[in-house]
């Protein structure tokens, strides 16, 4: 049958992977929002 220890190790690695992926996505979204705000500020200061 299946090794219970192997299943647990795979679940732990999957949990770590998804936690790191969550952090990367969160940082990218935060950076994108910051860039959008900076562009908006520049546009408001210098309308063309």
Protein backbone atom coordinates (compact mmCIF):
# COMPACT_ATOMS: atom_id res chain seq x y z
CA UNK A 1 0.00 0.00 0.00
CA UNK A 2 1.01 3.62 0.29
CA UNK A 3 3.59 4.78 2.77
CA UNK A 4 1.88 7.18 5.25
CA UNK A 5 5.16 8.96 5.96
CA UNK A 6 5.66 9.65 2.27
CA UNK A 7 2.19 11.12 1.96
CA UNK A 8 2.83 13.43 4.92
CA UNK A 9 6.16 14.59 3.47
CA UNK A 10 4.49 15.30 0.11
CA UNK A 11 1.74 17.29 1.84
CA UNK A 12 4.31 19.31 3.80
CA UNK A 13 6.26 20.14 0.63
CA UNK A 14 3.05 21.07 -1.17
CA UNK A 15 2.03 23.34 1.72
CA UNK A 16 5.44 25.06 1.69
CA UNK A 17 5.25 25.47 -2.11
CA UNK A 18 1.81 27.08 -1.97
CA UNK A 19 2.86 29.34 0.93
CA UNK A 20 5.87 30.60 -1.04
CA UNK A 21 3.71 31.00 -4.15
CA UNK A 22 1.22 33.03 -2.11
CA UNK A 23 4.02 35.31 -0.92
CA UNK A 24 5.34 35.85 -4.44
CA UNK A 25 1.89 36.68 -5.80
CA UNK A 26 1.15 39.00 -2.89
CA UNK A 27 4.44 40.87 -3.41
CA UNK A 28 3.78 41.19 -7.14
CA UNK A 29 0.30 42.57 -6.56
CA UNK A 30 1.59 45.03 -3.96
CA UNK A 31 4.33 46.17 -6.36
CA UNK A 32 1.83 46.56 -9.20
CA UNK A 33 -0.50 48.65 -7.05
CA UNK A 34 2.43 50.85 -6.04
CA UNK A 35 3.41 51.40 -9.67
CA UNK A 36 -0.17 52.26 -10.62
CA UNK A 37 -0.40 54.78 -7.79
CA UNK A 38 2.89 56.36 -8.84
CA UNK A 39 1.66 56.73 -12.43
CA UNK A 40 -1.60 58.25 -11.18
CA UNK A 41 0.31 60.75 -9.03
CA UNK A 42 2.52 61.76 -11.96
CA UNK A 43 -0.50 62.16 -14.21
CA UNK A 44 -2.29 64.38 -11.67
CA UNK A 45 0.79 66.59 -11.18
CA UNK A 46 1.52 67.02 -14.90
CA UNK A 47 -1.73 66.88 -16.92
CA UNK A 48 -1.29 67.04 -20.68
